Amino acid sequence: MHVAETDQNALLQVRSLTKTYTTGRGTLELFRDLDFTVRTGELVAIVGESGAGKSTLLHMLAALDTPTSGDVTVGGVSLGSLGGRAQSEFRNREIGYVWQFHYLLPEFTAEENVAMPLLARGMSRGEALKRARRWLGEVELADRAEHRSGELSGGEQQRASLARALVTEPKLLLADEPTGDLDGRTGEVVFSLIERLHREHGLTSVLVTHNPVFAARCDRQLRLSSGLLVG
């Protein structure tokens, strides 16, 4: 594992990040030479038009996708220096990820779904479920712990996915359009929860959003446009 030189106040550093795809018509450049830093404790929104590469960028911040060139550093650790298994272990320890779709497993209860990342790291079932129940309480779902995902509303499913992302107590929370599939009122509930948990648990958070109201409530906005990042 390579520990990179890093700004003392930065949890996340992106340097010269470029992503290109080879297609039948040639090379498609999604973005090039992106450079930015997210300081510890910041809540940052990534905004931009559909197709600008926001989700792809977020995947790279979580080591879910590989850049063509450049590097991402989280907590001083260069993600590019990690092998596949090491990347998975690093994500489990240090990064919580919320998708636009909840991806809860339908055959399991809410608390079992939330406990999955802890079970994956080898924690005992009893301890994992205990921590899962505590985090379901954090997202105001304590009374729904034993319900299967199909018995939850859309907003409850997304709150459960937020609890699953945070049950490992990561340093970095990444969220890709976490309110995109929700109506306005339910989206407000979920975003307010993210704000509160970000603050109360000392998180560093980066979220992709099309909602300008939610983006304005973040500490800072980064706009991805024409392959460049502004902000």
Protein backbone atom coordinates (compact mmCIF):
# COMPACT_ATOMS: atom_id res chain seq x y z
CA MET A 1 0.00 0.00 0.00
CA HIS A 2 1.46 3.35 -1.05
CA VAL A 3 0.83 6.30 1.25
CA ALA A 4 0.96 9.47 -0.84
CA GLU A 5 2.06 12.92 0.20
CA THR A 6 -1.11 14.78 1.08
CA ASP A 7 -2.48 18.05 2.36
CA GLN A 8 -2.77 17.74 6.15
CA ASN A 9 -6.38 18.97 6.03
CA ALA A 10 -7.47 16.91 2.99
CA LEU A 11 -9.15 13.56 3.25
CA LEU A 12 -9.62 13.23 -0.51
CA GLN A 13 -7.24 14.36 -3.24
CA VAL A 14 -7.73 13.92 -6.98
CA ARG A 15 -4.77 14.54 -9.25
CA SER A 16 -4.72 14.68 -13.08
CA LEU A 17 -7.65 12.27 -13.31
CA THR A 18 -8.55 11.34 -16.89
CA LYS A 19 -11.08 8.83 -18.22
CA THR A 20 -11.31 7.79 -21.87
CA TYR A 21 -13.19 5.00 -23.62
CA THR A 22 -12.34 3.31 -26.89
CA THR A 23 -15.35 2.88 -29.16
CA GLY A 24 -15.90 1.76 -32.73
CA ARG A 25 -15.73 5.40 -33.74
CA GLY A 26 -12.49 6.15 -31.92
CA THR A 27 -11.63 7.43 -28.45
CA LEU A 28 -14.21 9.15 -26.25
CA GLU A 29 -12.77 11.42 -23.57
CA LEU A 30 -15.22 11.72 -20.67
CA PHE A 31 -13.04 14.08 -18.63
CA ARG A 32 -9.39 15.06 -18.44
CA ASP A 33 -6.83 16.25 -15.89
CA LEU A 34 -9.29 16.74 -13.04
CA ASP A 35 -7.66 18.19 -9.92
CA PHE A 36 -9.48 18.87 -6.68
CA THR A 37 -9.27 18.37 -2.94
CA VAL A 38 -11.98 17.71 -0.38
CA ARG A 39 -11.02 18.79 3.10
CA THR A 40 -11.83 16.69 6.15
CA GLY A 41 -15.35 17.48 7.34
CA GLU A 42 -16.56 19.05 4.08
CA LEU A 43 -19.90 18.28 2.41
CA VAL A 44 -19.33 18.73 -1.33
CA ALA A 45 -21.81 18.46 -4.22
CA ILE A 46 -20.81 17.40 -7.73
CA VAL A 47 -23.24 18.84 -10.27
CA GLY A 48 -23.52 18.97 -14.05
CA GLU A 49 -25.59 17.88 -17.01
CA SER A 50 -26.61 14.25 -17.57
CA GLY A 51 -23.81 12.35 -19.27
CA ALA A 52 -21.08 14.67 -17.99
CA GLY A 53 -19.38 11.82 -16.12
CA LYS A 54 -20.46 12.58 -12.54
CA SER A 55 -21.29 8.98 -11.61
CA THR A 56 -18.11 7.69 -13.27
CA LEU A 57 -16.09 10.18 -11.25
CA LEU A 58 -17.77 9.07 -8.03
CA HIS A 59 -17.04 5.43 -8.90
CA MET A 60 -13.35 6.32 -9.19
CA LEU A 61 -13.39 8.04 -5.80
CA ALA A 62 -14.60 4.70 -4.38
CA ALA A 63 -12.18 2.52 -6.40
CA LEU A 64 -15.17 1.03 -8.24
CA ASP A 65 -13.72 2.11 -11.59
CA THR A 66 -10.18 2.71 -12.81
CA PRO A 67 -9.01 5.99 -14.37
CA THR A 68 -7.14 6.02 -17.65
CA SER A 69 -4.51 8.16 -15.92
CA GLY A 70 -4.14 10.13 -12.71
CA ASP A 71 -4.82 9.07 -9.15
CA VAL A 72 -7.21 9.33 -6.22
CA THR A 73 -5.87 9.52 -2.67
CA VAL A 74 -8.10 8.87 0.36
CA GLY A 75 -6.65 9.46 3.81
CA GLY A 76 -3.17 9.49 2.32
CA VAL A 77 -3.63 6.12 0.57
CA SER A 78 -3.31 6.04 -3.21
CA LEU A 79 -6.19 3.93 -4.55
CA GLY A 80 -4.20 3.18 -7.68
CA SER A 81 -1.57 1.40 -5.58
CA LEU A 82 -4.08 -1.14 -4.24
CA GLY A 83 -4.85 -4.48 -5.85
CA GLY A 84 -8.42 -5.71 -6.31
CA ARG A 85 -8.77 -7.42 -2.93
CA ALA A 86 -7.00 -4.58 -1.13
CA GLN A 87 -9.36 -2.10 -2.79
CA SER A 88 -12.38 -4.07 -1.56
CA GLU A 89 -10.99 -4.18 1.96
CA PHE A 90 -10.20 -0.46 1.85
CA ARG A 91 -13.75 0.37 0.69
CA ASN A 92 -15.19 -1.74 3.50
CA ARG A 93 -13.11 0.10 6.10
CA GLU A 94 -12.95 3.66 4.85
CA ILE A 95 -15.75 4.41 2.35
CA GLY A 96 -19.53 4.35 2.61
CA TYR A 97 -21.40 4.37 -0.71
CA VAL A 98 -25.07 5.20 -1.36
CA TRP A 99 -26.48 4.46 -4.81
CA GLN A 100 -29.50 6.06 -6.46
CA PHE A 101 -31.22 2.65 -6.22
CA HIS A 102 -31.09 1.07 -2.79
CA TYR A 103 -29.92 -2.44 -3.87
CA LEU A 104 -31.29 -4.05 -0.70
CA LEU A 105 -31.51 -7.83 -0.93
CA PRO A 106 -35.23 -8.72 -0.92
CA GLU A 107 -34.93 -12.01 0.97
CA PHE A 108 -33.35 -10.33 4.01
CA THR A 109 -34.69 -7.97 6.65
CA ALA A 110 -33.62 -4.35 6.93
CA GLU A 111 -31.26 -5.13 9.82
CA GLU A 112 -29.74 -8.08 7.93
CA ASN A 113 -29.16 -5.87 4.88
CA VAL A 114 -27.51 -3.18 6.99
CA ALA A 115 -25.33 -5.80 8.69
CA MET A 116 -23.96 -7.18 5.38
CA PRO A 117 -20.75 -5.07 5.23
CA LEU A 118 -19.88 -6.11 8.79
CA LEU A 119 -20.53 -9.79 8.07
CA ALA A 120 -18.33 -9.45 4.98
CA ARG A 121 -15.41 -8.37 7.15
CA GLY A 122 -15.90 -11.38 9.45
CA MET A 123 -17.77 -9.85 12.37
CA SER A 124 -20.01 -12.21 14.34
CA ARG A 125 -23.67 -12.22 13.33
CA GLY A 126 -24.80 -11.13 16.78
CA GLU A 127 -22.49 -8.11 16.92
CA ALA A 128 -23.22 -7.17 13.30
CA LEU A 129 -26.97 -7.19 13.88
CA LYS A 130 -26.55 -5.18 17.08
CA ARG A 131 -24.66 -2.46 15.20
CA ALA A 132 -27.15 -2.62 12.33
CA ARG A 133 -30.05 -2.00 14.70
CA ARG A 134 -28.22 1.00 16.17
CA TRP A 135 -27.73 2.51 12.73
CA LEU A 136 -31.33 1.85 11.76
CA GLY A 137 -32.19 3.93 14.81
CA GLU A 138 -29.90 6.68 13.49
CA VAL A 139 -31.96 6.83 10.27
CA GLU A 140 -35.25 6.61 12.19
CA LEU A 141 -36.07 3.05 11.11
CA ALA A 142 -35.70 1.19 14.41
CA ASP A 143 -39.31 0.02 14.23
CA ARG A 144 -38.79 -1.41 10.73
CA ALA A 145 -35.67 -3.49 11.49
CA GLU A 146 -37.35 -6.86 10.99
CA HIS A 147 -39.23 -5.91 7.82
CA ARG A 148 -37.97 -7.17 4.46
CA SER A 149 -36.99 -4.58 1.89
CA GLY A 150 -40.18 -5.06 -0.16
CA GLU A 151 -42.21 -4.08 2.90
CA LEU A 152 -40.48 -0.72 3.12
CA SER A 153 -41.45 2.44 1.26
CA GLY A 154 -39.03 3.98 -1.24
CA GLY A 155 -37.83 6.52 1.29
CA GLU A 156 -37.40 3.84 3.96
CA GLN A 157 -35.41 1.70 1.55
CA GLN A 158 -33.05 4.58 0.83
CA ARG A 159 -32.68 5.34 4.53
CA ALA A 160 -31.80 1.68 5.12
CA SER A 161 -29.18 1.91 2.35
CA LEU A 162 -27.75 4.98 4.08
CA ALA A 163 -27.51 3.01 7.34
CA ARG A 164 -25.78 0.19 5.43
CA ALA A 165 -23.24 2.67 4.02
CA LEU A 166 -22.44 4.05 7.47
CA VAL A 167 -22.57 0.92 9.63
CA THR A 168 -18.82 0.41 9.10
CA GLU A 169 -18.23 3.97 10.39
CA PRO A 170 -16.28 5.11 7.31
CA LYS A 171 -14.30 8.32 6.99
CA LEU A 172 -15.72 9.14 3.56
CA LEU A 173 -19.37 9.03 2.46
CA LEU A 174 -20.08 9.01 -1.29
CA ALA A 175 -23.66 9.30 -2.55
CA ASP A 176 -24.76 9.08 -6.19
CA GLU A 177 -28.10 10.89 -6.63
CA PRO A 178 -29.35 9.58 -3.26
CA THR A 179 -32.69 11.40 -3.68
CA GLY A 180 -33.03 10.94 -7.45
CA ASP A 181 -35.74 8.25 -7.28
CA LEU A 182 -37.75 9.95 -4.52
CA ASP A 183 -40.54 12.52 -4.52
CA GLY A 184 -39.77 16.01 -3.23
CA ARG A 185 -40.94 15.52 0.35
CA THR A 186 -39.25 12.13 0.77
CA GLY A 187 -36.09 13.42 -0.87
CA GLU A 188 -35.98 16.25 1.66
CA VAL A 189 -36.19 13.72 4.52
CA VAL A 190 -33.29 11.69 3.10
CA PHE A 191 -31.11 14.71 2.34
CA SER A 192 -31.74 16.17 5.81
CA LEU A 193 -30.64 12.85 7.29
CA ILE A 194 -27.43 12.96 5.26
CA GLU A 195 -26.79 16.52 6.50
CA ARG A 196 -27.38 15.53 10.12
CA LEU A 197 -25.33 12.33 10.03
CA HIS A 198 -22.53 14.12 8.17
CA ARG A 199 -22.37 16.69 10.94
CA GLU A 200 -22.91 14.46 13.97
CA HIS A 201 -20.47 11.74 12.90
CA GLY A 202 -17.74 14.00 11.55
CA LEU A 203 -17.97 12.63 8.03
CA THR A 204 -16.38 13.91 4.86
CA SER A 205 -19.07 13.62 2.19
CA VAL A 206 -19.27 13.96 -1.59
CA LEU A 207 -22.60 13.61 -3.36
CA VAL A 208 -23.76 13.79 -6.95
CA THR A 209 -27.07 15.61 -7.32
CA HIS A 210 -29.27 17.22 -9.95
CA ASN A 211 -31.20 19.05 -7.23
CA PRO A 212 -29.97 22.69 -7.10
CA VAL A 213 -31.56 23.28 -3.68
CA PHE A 214 -29.69 20.37 -2.11
CA ALA A 215 -26.45 21.33 -3.89
CA ALA A 216 -26.72 24.88 -2.50
CA ARG A 217 -26.96 23.47 1.04
CA CYS A 218 -23.54 21.82 0.69
CA ASP A 219 -20.34 23.56 1.72
CA ARG A 220 -19.16 23.70 -1.87
CA GLN A 221 -20.21 22.76 -5.41
CA LEU A 222 -17.99 21.32 -8.13
CA ARG A 223 -19.46 21.50 -11.65
CA LEU A 224 -18.42 18.92 -14.24
CA SER A 225 -18.86 20.33 -17.75
CA SER A 226 -17.24 19.53 -21.11
CA GLY A 227 -14.71 17.25 -19.47
CA LEU A 228 -13.54 19.88 -16.97
CA LEU A 229 -14.32 20.59 -13.33
CA VAL A 230 -15.15 24.10 -12.17
CA GLY A 231 -15.56 25.19 -8.56
